[in-house]
Amino acid sequence: MKIVKCGDLGFKCNFMAAGNKLEEVEKAMFDHIEKEHKEELDKMTEDDINHLKHRVSTLLGRSCGCGALHTDNL
């Protein structure tokens, strides 16, 4: 099971995307961000968005899949 939490990405939100496949969880998270955090996303630079994608990949790459990664220093 792969899990990523919206709050772990820096958003003040309790949404959590979960699934068995990395691609489906990434898609669910980015669909959520585009829908619920569009205003914040629109303010991001291309570098910010790439950093966000990297954070999602890092969280999902953890062997436990729990999304419990401190991202303060990423």
PDB file of N, CA and C in Angstrom:
ATOM      1  N   MET A   1       0.853  -1.175   0.000  1.00  0.00           N
ATOM      2  CA  MET A   1       0.000   0.000   0.000  1.00  0.00           C
ATOM      3  C   MET A   1       0.897   1.235   0.000  1.00  0.00           C
ATOM      4  N   LYS A   2       0.601   2.168  -0.880  1.00  0.00           N
ATOM      5  CA  LYS A   2       1.320   3.434  -0.970  1.00  0.00           C
ATOM      6  C   LYS A   2       0.384   4.546  -0.501  1.00  0.00           C
ATOM      7  N   ILE A   3       0.919   5.435   0.334  1.00  0.00           N
ATOM      8  CA  ILE A   3       0.125   6.531   0.895  1.00  0.00           C
ATOM      9  C   ILE A   3       0.950   7.807   0.849  1.00  0.00           C
ATOM     10  N   VAL A   4       0.307   8.908   0.470  1.00  0.00           N
ATOM     11  CA  VAL A   4       0.924  10.224   0.575  1.00  0.00           C
ATOM     12  C   VAL A   4      -0.137  11.178   1.103  1.00  0.00           C
ATOM     13  N   LYS A   5       0.281  12.008   2.052  1.00  0.00           N
ATOM     14  CA  LYS A   5      -0.644  12.945   2.691  1.00  0.00           C
ATOM     15  C   LYS A   5      -0.406  14.349   2.155  1.00  0.00           C
ATOM     16  N   CYS A   6      -1.476  15.035   1.876  1.00  0.00           N
ATOM     17  CA  CYS A   6      -1.395  16.394   1.369  1.00  0.00           C
ATOM     18  C   CYS A   6      -0.652  17.300   2.362  1.00  0.00           C
ATOM     19  N   GLY A   7      -0.895  17.109   3.640  1.00  0.00           N
ATOM     20  CA  GLY A   7      -0.230  17.896   4.667  1.00  0.00           C
ATOM     21  C   GLY A   7       1.284  17.714   4.662  1.00  0.00           C
ATOM     22  N   ASP A   8       1.764  16.523   4.237  1.00  0.00           N
ATOM     23  CA  ASP A   8       3.193  16.271   4.149  1.00  0.00           C
ATOM     24  C   ASP A   8       3.836  17.044   3.003  1.00  0.00           C
ATOM     25  N   LEU A   9       3.017  17.577   2.121  1.00  0.00           N
ATOM     26  CA  LEU A   9       3.518  18.340   0.979  1.00  0.00           C
ATOM     27  C   LEU A   9       3.493  19.835   1.242  1.00  0.00           C
ATOM     28  N   GLY A  10       3.047  20.212   2.431  1.00  0.00           N
ATOM     29  CA  GLY A  10       3.058  21.621   2.796  1.00  0.00           C
ATOM     30  C   GLY A  10       1.710  22.306   2.725  1.00  0.00           C
ATOM     31  N   PHE A  11       0.678  21.580   2.342  1.00  0.00           N
ATOM     32  CA  PHE A  11      -0.662  22.157   2.282  1.00  0.00           C
ATOM     33  C   PHE A  11      -1.364  21.933   3.618  1.00  0.00           C
ATOM     34  N   LYS A  12      -2.202  22.857   4.009  1.00  0.00           N
ATOM     35  CA  LYS A  12      -2.990  22.704   5.242  1.00  0.00           C
ATOM     36  C   LYS A  12      -4.262  21.953   4.869  1.00  0.00           C
ATOM     37  N   CYS A  13      -4.124  20.635   4.834  1.00  0.00           N
ATOM     38  CA  CYS A  13      -5.181  19.793   4.301  1.00  0.00           C
ATOM     39  C   CYS A  13      -5.008  18.382   4.853  1.00  0.00           C
ATOM     40  N   ASN A  14      -6.116  17.700   5.091  1.00  0.00           N
ATOM     41  CA  ASN A  14      -6.085  16.341   5.628  1.00  0.00           C
ATOM     42  C   ASN A  14      -6.239  15.260   4.567  1.00  0.00           C
ATOM     43  N   PHE A  15      -6.265  15.640   3.281  1.00  0.00           N
ATOM     44  CA  PHE A  15      -6.438  14.654   2.209  1.00  0.00           C
ATOM     45  C   PHE A  15      -5.272  13.665   2.206  1.00  0.00           C
ATOM     46  N   MET A  16      -5.608  12.413   1.891  1.00  0.00           N
ATOM     47  CA  MET A  16      -4.602  11.370   1.799  1.00  0.00           C
ATOM     48  C   MET A  16      -4.907  10.522   0.568  1.00  0.00           C
ATOM     49  N   ALA A  17      -3.920  10.372  -0.302  1.00  0.00           N
ATOM     50  CA  ALA A  17      -4.072   9.503  -1.474  1.00  0.00           C
ATOM     51  C   ALA A  17      -3.439   8.159  -1.140  1.00  0.00           C
ATOM     52  N   ALA A  18      -4.143   7.088  -1.471  1.00  0.00           N
ATOM     53  CA  ALA A  18      -3.639   5.748  -1.170  1.00  0.00           C
ATOM     54  C   ALA A  18      -3.963   4.800  -2.310  1.00  0.00           C
ATOM     55  N   GLY A  19      -3.117   3.824  -2.496  1.00  0.00           N
ATOM     56  CA  GLY A  19      -3.335   2.810  -3.515  1.00  0.00           C
ATOM     57  C   GLY A  19      -2.168   1.847  -3.545  1.00  0.00           C
ATOM     58  N   ASN A  20      -2.276   0.858  -4.389  1.00  0.00           N
ATOM     59  CA  ASN A  20      -1.222  -0.146  -4.491  1.00  0.00           C
ATOM     60  C   ASN A  20      -0.158   0.205  -5.519  1.00  0.00           C
ATOM     61  N   LYS A  21      -0.514   1.070  -6.466  1.00  0.00           N
ATOM     62  CA  LYS A  21       0.428   1.430  -7.522  1.00  0.00           C
ATOM     63  C   LYS A  21       0.855   2.888  -7.373  1.00  0.00           C
ATOM     64  N   LEU A  22       2.146   3.116  -7.480  1.00  0.00           N
ATOM     65  CA  LEU A  22       2.726   4.437  -7.357  1.00  0.00           C
ATOM     66  C   LEU A  22       2.035   5.434  -8.283  1.00  0.00           C
ATOM     67  N   GLU A  23       1.831   5.037  -9.527  1.00  0.00           N
ATOM     68  CA  GLU A  23       1.249   5.941 -10.522  1.00  0.00           C
ATOM     69  C   GLU A  23      -0.171   6.376 -10.150  1.00  0.00           C
ATOM     70  N   GLU A  24      -0.969   5.453  -9.610  1.00  0.00           N
ATOM     71  CA  GLU A  24      -2.352   5.794  -9.265  1.00  0.00           C
ATOM     72  C   GLU A  24      -2.390   6.753  -8.066  1.00  0.00           C
ATOM     73  N   VAL A  25      -1.463   6.581  -7.131  1.00  0.00           N
ATOM     74  CA  VAL A  25      -1.423   7.460  -5.962  1.00  0.00           C
ATOM     75  C   VAL A  25      -0.935   8.846  -6.365  1.00  0.00           C
ATOM     76  N   GLU A  26       0.100   8.912  -7.210  1.00  0.00           N
ATOM     77  CA  GLU A  26       0.582  10.197  -7.708  1.00  0.00           C
ATOM     78  C   GLU A  26      -0.534  10.939  -8.439  1.00  0.00           C
ATOM     79  N   LYS A  27      -1.250  10.231  -9.302  1.00  0.00           N
ATOM     80  CA  LYS A  27      -2.334  10.854 -10.064  1.00  0.00           C
ATOM     81  C   LYS A  27      -3.428  11.369  -9.134  1.00  0.00           C
ATOM     82  N   ALA A  28      -3.808  10.568  -8.157  1.00  0.00           N
ATOM     83  CA  ALA A  28      -4.849  10.987  -7.211  1.00  0.00           C
ATOM     84  C   ALA A  28      -4.419  12.228  -6.448  1.00  0.00           C
ATOM     85  N   MET A  29      -3.148  12.274  -6.039  1.00  0.00           N
ATOM     86  CA  MET A  29      -2.660  13.431  -5.284  1.00  0.00           C
ATOM     87  C   MET A  29      -2.633  14.679  -6.162  1.00  0.00           C
ATOM     88  N   PHE A  30      -2.106  14.564  -7.375  1.00  0.00           N
ATOM     89  CA  PHE A  30      -2.032  15.746  -8.230  1.00  0.00           C
ATOM     90  C   PHE A  30      -3.413  16.185  -8.718  1.00  0.00           C
ATOM     91  N   ASP A  31      -4.336  15.251  -8.918  1.00  0.00           N
ATOM     92  CA  ASP A  31      -5.720  15.630  -9.235  1.00  0.00           C
ATOM     93  C   ASP A  31      -6.312  16.426  -8.079  1.00  0.00           C
ATOM     94  N   HIS A  32      -6.063  15.969  -6.862  1.00  0.00           N
ATOM     95  CA  HIS A  32      -6.552  16.669  -5.669  1.00  0.00           C
ATOM     96  C   HIS A  32      -5.945  18.066  -5.577  1.00  0.00           C
ATOM     97  N   ILE A  33      -4.636  18.159  -5.746  1.00  0.00           N
ATOM     98  CA  ILE A  33      -3.961  19.462  -5.652  1.00  0.00           C
ATOM     99  C   ILE A  33      -4.498  20.424  -6.700  1.00  0.00           C
ATOM    100  N   GLU A  34      -4.661  19.948  -7.927  1.00  0.00           N
ATOM    101  CA  GLU A  34      -5.174  20.802  -9.005  1.00  0.00           C
ATOM    102  C   GLU A  34      -6.594  21.279  -8.730  1.00  0.00           C
ATOM    103  N   LYS A  35      -7.380  20.445  -8.063  1.00  0.00           N
ATOM    104  CA  LYS A  35      -8.770  20.808  -7.782  1.00  0.00           C
ATOM    105  C   LYS A  35      -8.901  21.659  -6.521  1.00  0.00           C
ATOM    106  N   GLU A  36      -8.284  21.220  -5.435  1.00  0.00           N
ATOM    107  CA  GLU A  36      -8.497  21.847  -4.129  1.00  0.00           C
ATOM    108  C   GLU A  36      -7.487  22.945  -3.780  1.00  0.00           C
ATOM    109  N   HIS A  37      -6.337  22.939  -4.432  1.00  0.00           N
ATOM    110  CA  HIS A  37      -5.288  23.910  -4.096  1.00  0.00           C
ATOM    111  C   HIS A  37      -4.844  24.676  -5.341  1.00  0.00           C
ATOM    112  N   LYS A  38      -5.770  24.866  -6.275  1.00  0.00           N
ATOM    113  CA  LYS A  38      -5.449  25.505  -7.551  1.00  0.00           C
ATOM    114  C   LYS A  38      -4.843  26.889  -7.355  1.00  0.00           C
ATOM    115  N   GLU A  39      -5.387  27.656  -6.438  1.00  0.00           N
ATOM    116  CA  GLU A  39      -4.886  29.014  -6.211  1.00  0.00           C
ATOM    117  C   GLU A  39      -3.415  28.986  -5.781  1.00  0.00           C
ATOM    118  N   GLU A  40      -3.073  28.081  -4.882  1.00  0.00           N
ATOM    119  CA  GLU A  40      -1.685  27.953  -4.435  1.00  0.00           C
ATOM    120  C   GLU A  40      -0.798  27.413  -5.554  1.00  0.00           C
ATOM    121  N   LEU A  41      -1.316  26.449  -6.306  1.00  0.00           N
ATOM    122  CA  LEU A  41      -0.569  25.853  -7.406  1.00  0.00           C
ATOM    123  C   LEU A  41      -0.267  26.890  -8.484  1.00  0.00           C
ATOM    124  N   ASP A  42      -1.234  27.751  -8.753  1.00  0.00           N
ATOM    125  CA  ASP A  42      -1.048  28.786  -9.774  1.00  0.00           C
ATOM    126  C   ASP A  42       0.047  29.781  -9.404  1.00  0.00           C
ATOM    127  N   LYS A  43       0.331  29.920  -8.122  1.00  0.00           N
ATOM    128  CA  LYS A  43       1.374  30.841  -7.654  1.00  0.00           C
ATOM    129  C   LYS A  43       2.770  30.216  -7.700  1.00  0.00           C
ATOM    130  N   MET A  44       2.829  28.907  -7.914  1.00  0.00           N
ATOM    131  CA  MET A  44       4.114  28.204  -7.893  1.00  0.00           C
ATOM    132  C   MET A  44       4.853  28.369  -9.214  1.00  0.00           C
ATOM    133  N   THR A  45       6.180  28.428  -9.099  1.00  0.00           N
ATOM    134  CA  THR A  45       7.020  28.440 -10.291  1.00  0.00           C
ATOM    135  C   THR A  45       7.161  27.005 -10.790  1.00  0.00           C
ATOM    136  N   GLU A  46       7.727  26.854 -11.962  1.00  0.00           N
ATOM    137  CA  GLU A  46       7.974  25.516 -12.501  1.00  0.00           C
ATOM    138  C   GLU A  46       8.913  24.737 -11.578  1.00  0.00           C
ATOM    139  N   ASP A  47       9.899  25.421 -11.009  1.00  0.00           N
ATOM    140  CA  ASP A  47      10.813  24.770 -10.058  1.00  0.00           C
ATOM    141  C   ASP A  47      10.070  24.304  -8.810  1.00  0.00           C
ATOM    142  N   ASP A  48       9.133  25.128  -8.314  1.00  0.00           N
ATOM    143  CA  ASP A  48       8.333  24.744  -7.153  1.00  0.00           C
ATOM    144  C   ASP A  48       7.522  23.483  -7.444  1.00  0.00           C
ATOM    145  N   ILE A  49       6.945  23.426  -8.629  1.00  0.00           N
ATOM    146  CA  ILE A  49       6.123  22.269  -9.011  1.00  0.00           C
ATOM    147  C   ILE A  49       6.989  21.026  -9.151  1.00  0.00           C
ATOM    148  N   ASN A  50       8.179  21.183  -9.729  1.00  0.00           N
ATOM    149  CA  ASN A  50       9.099  20.042  -9.831  1.00  0.00           C
ATOM    150  C   ASN A  50       9.523  19.567  -8.452  1.00  0.00           C
ATOM    151  N   HIS A  51       9.745  20.507  -7.540  1.00  0.00           N
ATOM    152  CA  HIS A  51      10.102  20.154  -6.157  1.00  0.00           C
ATOM    153  C   HIS A  51       8.947  19.397  -5.498  1.00  0.00           C
ATOM    154  N   LEU A  52       7.728  19.831  -5.739  1.00  0.00           N
ATOM    155  CA  LEU A  52       6.541  19.166  -5.201  1.00  0.00           C
ATOM    156  C   LEU A  52       6.451  17.735  -5.724  1.00  0.00           C
ATOM    157  N   LYS A  53       6.682  17.559  -7.017  1.00  0.00           N
ATOM    158  CA  LYS A  53       6.651  16.215  -7.616  1.00  0.00           C
ATOM    159  C   LYS A  53       7.739  15.335  -7.004  1.00  0.00           C
ATOM    160  N   HIS A  54       8.910  15.914  -6.769  1.00  0.00           N
ATOM    161  CA  HIS A  54      10.002  15.164  -6.155  1.00  0.00           C
ATOM    162  C   HIS A  54       9.621  14.725  -4.739  1.00  0.00           C
ATOM    163  N   ARG A  55       8.964  15.620  -4.005  1.00  0.00           N
ATOM    164  CA  ARG A  55       8.544  15.285  -2.641  1.00  0.00           C
ATOM    165  C   ARG A  55       7.546  14.134  -2.652  1.00  0.00           C
ATOM    166  N   VAL A  56       6.615  14.148  -3.600  1.00  0.00           N
ATOM    167  CA  VAL A  56       5.647  13.052  -3.716  1.00  0.00           C
ATOM    168  C   VAL A  56       6.385  11.744  -4.002  1.00  0.00           C
ATOM    169  N   SER A  57       7.316  11.779  -4.952  1.00  0.00           N
ATOM    170  CA  SER A  57       8.086  10.575  -5.288  1.00  0.00           C
ATOM    171  C   SER A  57       8.883  10.077  -4.092  1.00  0.00           C
ATOM    172  N   THR A  58       9.464  10.997  -3.335  1.00  0.00           N
ATOM    173  CA  THR A  58      10.244  10.620  -2.153  1.00  0.00           C
ATOM    174  C   THR A  58       9.354   9.955  -1.115  1.00  0.00           C
ATOM    175  N   LEU A  59       8.203  10.555  -0.866  1.00  0.00           N
ATOM    176  CA  LEU A  59       7.279   9.978   0.114  1.00  0.00           C
ATOM    177  C   LEU A  59       6.805   8.596  -0.314  1.00  0.00           C
ATOM    178  N   LEU A  60       6.483   8.437  -1.589  1.00  0.00           N
ATOM    179  CA  LEU A  60       5.978   7.159  -2.077  1.00  0.00           C
ATOM    180  C   LEU A  60       7.085   6.124  -2.217  1.00  0.00           C
ATOM    181  N   GLY A  61       8.326   6.566  -2.285  1.00  0.00           N
ATOM    182  CA  GLY A  61       9.443   5.655  -2.429  1.00  0.00           C
ATOM    183  C   GLY A  61       9.861   4.996  -1.133  1.00  0.00           C
ATOM    184  N   ARG A  62       9.317   5.478  -0.025  1.00  0.00           N
ATOM    185  CA  ARG A  62       9.652   4.858   1.262  1.00  0.00           C
ATOM    186  C   ARG A  62       9.099   3.447   1.291  1.00  0.00           C
ATOM    187  N   SER A  63       9.852   2.522   1.829  1.00  0.00           N
ATOM    188  CA  SER A  63       9.461   1.114   1.794  1.00  0.00           C
ATOM    189  C   SER A  63       8.154   0.838   2.514  1.00  0.00           C
ATOM    190  N   CYS A  64       7.860   1.604   3.565  1.00  0.00           N
ATOM    191  CA  CYS A  64       6.633   1.330   4.315  1.00  0.00           C
ATOM    192  C   CYS A  64       5.414   1.910   3.610  1.00  0.00           C
ATOM    193  N   GLY A  65       5.607   2.932   2.765  1.00  0.00           N
ATOM    194  CA  GLY A  65       4.502   3.526   2.044  1.00  0.00           C
ATOM    195  C   GLY A  65       3.582   4.355   2.916  1.00  0.00           C
ATOM    196  N   CYS A  66       3.998   4.656   4.142  1.00  0.00           N
ATOM    197  CA  CYS A  66       3.094   5.340   5.062  1.00  0.00           C
ATOM    198  C   CYS A  66       3.078   6.852   4.879  1.00  0.00           C
ATOM    199  N   GLY A  67       4.010   7.373   4.121  1.00  0.00           N
ATOM    200  CA  GLY A  67       4.055   8.821   3.934  1.00  0.00           C
ATOM    201  C   GLY A  67       4.644   9.572   5.103  1.00  0.00           C
ATOM    202  N   ALA A  68       5.185   8.875   6.089  1.00  0.00           N
ATOM    203  CA  ALA A  68       5.718   9.514   7.283  1.00  0.00           C
ATOM    204  C   ALA A  68       7.169   9.928   7.057  1.00  0.00           C
ATOM    205  N   LEU A  69       7.323  11.029   6.387  1.00  0.00           N
ATOM    206  CA  LEU A  69       8.659  11.565   6.113  1.00  0.00           C
ATOM    207  C   LEU A  69       8.625  13.040   6.450  1.00  0.00           C
ATOM    208  N   HIS A  70       9.532  13.467   7.281  1.00  0.00           N
ATOM    209  CA  HIS A  70       9.603  14.893   7.598  1.00  0.00           C
ATOM    210  C   HIS A  70      10.168  15.610   6.392  1.00  0.00           C
ATOM    211  N   THR A  71       9.421  16.564   5.859  1.00  0.00           N
ATOM    212  CA  THR A  71       9.821  17.269   4.644  1.00  0.00           C
ATOM    213  C   THR A  71      10.299  18.673   4.933  1.00  0.00           C
ATOM    214  N   ASP A  72      10.548  19.009   6.188  1.00  0.00           N
ATOM    215  CA  ASP A  72      10.968  20.344   6.552  1.00  0.00           C
ATOM    216  C   ASP A  72      12.257  20.766   5.866  1.00  0.00           C
ATOM    217  N   ASN A  73      13.152  19.820   5.644  1.00  0.00           N
ATOM    218  CA  ASN A  73      14.458  20.147   5.085  1.00  0.00           C
ATOM    219  C   ASN A  73      14.611  19.755   3.626  1.00  0.00           C
ATOM    220  N   LEU A  74      13.532  19.393   2.959  1.00  0.00           N
ATOM    221  CA  LEU A  74      13.615  19.002   1.550  1.00  0.00           C
ATOM    222  C   LEU A  74      13.623  20.211   0.668  1.00  0.00           C
TER     223      LEU A  74
END
